[in-house]
């Protein structure tokens, strides 16, 4: 009976173990260089077992993206809808939460992977655009619109405003997964201090002067 229970628990754990192993390898080696045999081996299962859950490497990669990024947009959208504070504080919360939940984790290697390999895999690029980039941009746009509607932020071009928020986060993702190629090698970058510095600059530009003065920006 105990042996059967262990087998059932092991079977239930397999998809999660496979996704974790796949994330590690995709980030370490890239999409093209990762073989499904390696993913199965790292997860401690056979290749046949992997294909029971994910019929192809492409589907495995999509599942990794959904597990770590796109599958979380519903949760993040709900947080936006229920947020009660100022939009300044919401921007601070979002950027710091992004570091806690994504930037500081191995999942932050996915954007770097896509930047490097999207041109060779147009179907994956289309998938990533639809499930990660567009929803992410839309969420940031809604935050900016909230600030303008509440009279906290000045009027702005929302499209480029989105990139203003995204750029520091993408830099941190590249810095984390490209050691030696981003920033001054003589400086030990503190992600929290970097985010705070970027927030000061961004919010000075976004906030209407009276609001900024009250916040001490």
Protein backbone atom coordinates (compact mmCIF):
# COMPACT_ATOMS: atom_id res chain seq x y z
CA UNK A 1 0.00 0.00 0.00
CA UNK A 2 2.81 2.40 0.92
CA UNK A 3 4.64 1.57 -2.34
CA UNK A 4 1.53 2.36 -4.36
CA UNK A 5 1.08 5.69 -2.51
CA UNK A 6 4.70 6.62 -3.22
CA UNK A 7 4.22 5.81 -6.92
CA UNK A 8 1.07 7.95 -7.07
CA UNK A 9 2.83 10.88 -5.42
CA UNK A 10 5.75 10.44 -7.80
CA UNK A 11 3.40 10.44 -10.82
CA UNK A 12 1.68 13.60 -9.61
CA UNK A 13 5.04 15.28 -9.11
CA UNK A 14 6.36 14.49 -12.59
CA UNK A 15 4.89 17.44 -14.56
CA UNK A 16 6.28 19.91 -12.02
CA UNK A 17 9.66 18.21 -11.98
CA UNK A 18 9.78 18.19 -15.77
CA UNK A 19 8.89 21.89 -15.97
CA UNK A 20 11.53 22.74 -13.38
CA UNK A 21 14.19 20.74 -15.21
CA UNK A 22 13.15 22.23 -18.55
CA UNK A 23 13.35 25.78 -17.19
CA UNK A 24 16.86 25.13 -15.87
CA UNK A 25 18.07 23.74 -19.19
CA UNK A 26 16.34 26.27 -21.44
CA UNK A 27 17.89 29.12 -19.44
CA UNK A 28 21.31 27.46 -19.24
CA UNK A 29 21.59 26.28 -22.85
CA UNK A 30 18.92 28.07 -24.87
CA UNK A 31 15.94 26.60 -26.66
CA UNK A 32 17.72 25.22 -29.73
CA UNK A 33 20.50 23.48 -27.81
CA UNK A 34 18.24 21.84 -25.22
CA UNK A 35 17.26 18.26 -25.98
CA UNK A 36 14.22 16.58 -24.48
CA UNK A 37 16.40 13.65 -23.46
CA UNK A 38 18.38 16.00 -21.22
CA UNK A 39 15.22 17.36 -19.64
CA UNK A 40 13.94 13.85 -18.91
CA UNK A 41 17.29 12.81 -17.49
CA UNK A 42 17.52 15.83 -15.21
CA UNK A 43 13.96 15.21 -14.01
CA UNK A 44 14.77 11.56 -13.36
CA UNK A 45 12.28 10.09 -15.83
CA UNK A 46 12.40 8.47 -19.26
CA UNK A 47 11.94 10.39 -22.51
CA UNK A 48 8.75 8.41 -23.05
CA UNK A 49 7.38 9.65 -19.74
CA UNK A 50 8.13 13.24 -20.73
CA UNK A 51 6.16 12.79 -23.96
CA UNK A 52 3.17 11.52 -21.99
CA UNK A 53 2.84 15.01 -20.55
CA UNK A 54 4.35 17.18 -23.28
CA UNK A 55 4.14 15.87 -26.87
CA UNK A 56 7.00 18.01 -28.20
CA UNK A 57 9.82 20.30 -27.12
CA UNK A 58 7.76 23.26 -28.33
CA UNK A 59 4.84 22.29 -26.11
CA UNK A 60 7.22 21.75 -23.21
CA UNK A 61 8.63 25.25 -23.66
CA UNK A 62 5.15 26.76 -23.85
CA UNK A 63 4.24 24.99 -20.62
CA UNK A 64 7.36 26.41 -18.95
CA UNK A 65 6.39 29.93 -20.05
CA UNK A 66 2.82 29.47 -18.81
CA UNK A 67 3.96 28.04 -15.50
CA UNK A 68 6.41 30.84 -14.77
CA UNK A 69 5.08 33.90 -16.62
CA UNK A 70 1.88 34.03 -18.64
CA UNK A 71 -0.11 31.86 -16.25
CA UNK A 72 0.33 34.50 -13.55
CA UNK A 73 -1.27 37.43 -15.34
CA UNK A 74 -4.72 36.66 -13.92
CA UNK A 75 -3.29 36.91 -10.40
CA UNK A 76 -1.40 40.11 -11.23
CA UNK A 77 -4.47 41.66 -12.87
CA UNK A 78 -6.51 40.90 -9.77
CA UNK A 79 -3.90 42.60 -7.61
CA UNK A 80 -4.13 45.66 -9.84
CA UNK A 81 -7.94 45.74 -9.62
CA UNK A 82 -7.95 45.51 -5.82
CA UNK A 83 -5.04 47.89 -5.12
CA UNK A 84 -6.13 50.75 -2.84
CA UNK A 85 -3.02 52.95 -2.64
CA UNK A 86 -1.66 55.67 -4.88
CA UNK A 87 -0.50 54.87 -8.38
CA UNK A 88 3.03 55.95 -7.42
CA UNK A 89 3.03 53.29 -4.73
CA UNK A 90 1.51 50.80 -7.16
CA UNK A 91 4.40 51.33 -9.59
CA UNK A 92 6.86 50.83 -6.72
CA UNK A 93 5.04 47.70 -5.63
CA UNK A 94 4.93 46.26 -9.14
CA UNK A 95 8.61 46.73 -9.91
CA UNK A 96 9.74 45.35 -6.55
CA UNK A 97 7.26 42.46 -6.74
CA UNK A 98 8.50 41.65 -10.23
CA UNK A 99 12.01 41.26 -8.81
CA UNK A 100 10.77 39.06 -5.96
CA UNK A 101 8.61 36.80 -8.14
CA UNK A 102 10.41 36.75 -11.47
CA UNK A 103 13.59 38.81 -11.70
CA UNK A 104 15.42 37.09 -8.86
CA UNK A 105 14.41 33.64 -10.11
CA UNK A 106 15.58 31.50 -13.00
CA UNK A 107 12.42 32.49 -14.90
CA UNK A 108 14.03 35.88 -15.61
CA UNK A 109 16.22 34.03 -18.12
CA UNK A 110 13.24 33.44 -20.42
CA UNK A 111 13.18 37.01 -21.85
CA UNK A 112 16.90 36.79 -22.66
CA UNK A 113 16.32 33.43 -24.36
CA UNK A 114 13.52 34.86 -26.46
CA UNK A 115 15.55 37.89 -27.47
CA UNK A 116 18.31 35.62 -28.70
CA UNK A 117 16.27 32.91 -30.41
CA UNK A 118 12.92 34.40 -31.48
CA UNK A 119 14.18 35.03 -35.02
CA UNK A 120 14.87 31.34 -35.52
CA UNK A 121 11.58 30.14 -34.04
CA UNK A 122 8.79 32.39 -35.34
CA UNK A 123 6.00 30.24 -33.92
CA UNK A 124 7.46 30.50 -30.43
CA UNK A 125 7.98 34.22 -30.93
CA UNK A 126 4.30 34.60 -31.86
CA UNK A 127 3.27 32.56 -28.84
CA UNK A 128 5.47 34.66 -26.52
CA UNK A 129 4.16 37.90 -28.01
CA UNK A 130 0.55 36.85 -27.45
CA UNK A 131 0.91 35.26 -24.01
CA UNK A 132 3.61 37.36 -22.33
CA UNK A 133 4.53 40.58 -24.09
CA UNK A 134 1.07 41.84 -24.97
CA UNK A 135 -0.60 41.02 -21.61
CA UNK A 136 2.39 42.50 -19.77
CA UNK A 137 2.30 45.69 -21.82
CA UNK A 138 -1.46 45.95 -21.35
CA UNK A 139 -1.13 45.62 -17.57
CA UNK A 140 1.50 48.35 -17.37
CA UNK A 141 -0.62 50.54 -19.65
CA UNK A 142 -3.57 50.12 -17.28
CA UNK A 143 -1.39 51.25 -14.38
CA UNK A 144 -0.32 54.35 -16.27
CA UNK A 145 -3.93 55.08 -17.27
CA UNK A 146 -4.94 54.80 -13.61
CA UNK A 147 -2.37 57.39 -12.63
CA UNK A 148 -3.52 59.80 -15.33
CA UNK A 149 -7.21 59.27 -14.52
CA UNK A 150 -6.61 59.97 -10.83
CA UNK A 151 -4.67 63.14 -11.58
CA UNK A 152 -1.42 61.70 -10.21
CA UNK A 153 0.45 61.30 -13.51
CA UNK A 154 0.83 63.78 -16.32
CA UNK A 155 -0.53 62.94 -19.76
CA UNK A 156 1.88 60.73 -21.70
CA UNK A 157 2.29 58.51 -24.72
CA UNK A 158 1.24 55.23 -23.09
CA UNK A 159 3.08 53.03 -25.58
CA UNK A 160 6.44 54.57 -24.79
CA UNK A 161 5.51 54.93 -21.14
CA UNK A 162 5.23 51.15 -21.00
CA UNK A 163 8.79 50.79 -22.28
CA UNK A 164 9.98 53.27 -19.64
CA UNK A 165 8.74 50.88 -16.95
CA UNK A 166 9.91 47.74 -18.74
CA UNK A 167 13.46 48.85 -19.57
CA UNK A 168 14.91 48.67 -16.02
CA UNK A 169 13.38 45.23 -15.49
CA UNK A 170 14.76 43.90 -18.77
CA UNK A 171 18.18 45.28 -17.88
CA UNK A 172 18.12 43.41 -14.58
CA UNK A 173 17.11 40.19 -16.36
CA UNK A 174 20.00 40.59 -18.82
CA UNK A 175 22.40 41.50 -16.02
CA UNK A 176 21.44 38.41 -14.01
CA UNK A 177 21.86 36.00 -16.92
CA UNK A 178 24.73 37.68 -18.78
CA UNK A 179 27.48 38.12 -16.18
CA UNK A 180 30.21 40.45 -17.35
CA UNK A 181 28.27 41.83 -20.31
CA UNK A 182 26.00 44.31 -18.52
CA UNK A 183 27.17 47.16 -16.34
CA UNK A 184 30.53 48.02 -14.82
CA UNK A 185 32.38 44.84 -13.75
CA UNK A 186 33.94 46.81 -10.90
CA UNK A 187 30.56 47.55 -9.34
CA UNK A 188 28.54 44.96 -7.44
CA UNK A 189 25.03 45.86 -8.56
CA UNK A 190 22.41 45.78 -5.81
CA UNK A 191 19.08 45.04 -7.55
CA UNK A 192 17.03 46.74 -4.84
CA UNK A 193 19.09 49.92 -4.98
CA UNK A 194 18.99 49.84 -8.76
CA UNK A 195 15.19 49.52 -8.78
CA UNK A 196 14.85 52.33 -6.25
CA UNK A 197 17.11 54.58 -8.31
CA UNK A 198 15.13 53.86 -11.48
CA UNK A 199 11.86 54.46 -9.67
CA UNK A 200 12.99 57.88 -8.50
CA UNK A 201 13.83 58.88 -12.07
CA UNK A 202 10.67 57.40 -13.60
CA UNK A 203 8.30 58.82 -11.01
CA UNK A 204 9.84 62.28 -11.20
CA UNK A 205 8.96 62.24 -14.87
CA UNK A 206 5.48 60.75 -14.45
CA UNK A 207 4.15 62.52 -11.41
CA UNK A 208 2.47 65.89 -11.47
CA UNK A 209 4.72 68.27 -9.54
CA UNK A 210 2.54 68.70 -6.46
CA UNK A 211 2.18 64.95 -6.00
CA UNK A 212 5.92 64.42 -6.40
CA UNK A 213 6.70 67.09 -3.81
CA UNK A 214 4.36 65.49 -1.30
CA UNK A 215 6.10 62.15 -1.83
CA UNK A 216 9.56 63.68 -1.49
CA UNK A 217 10.67 62.56 -4.95
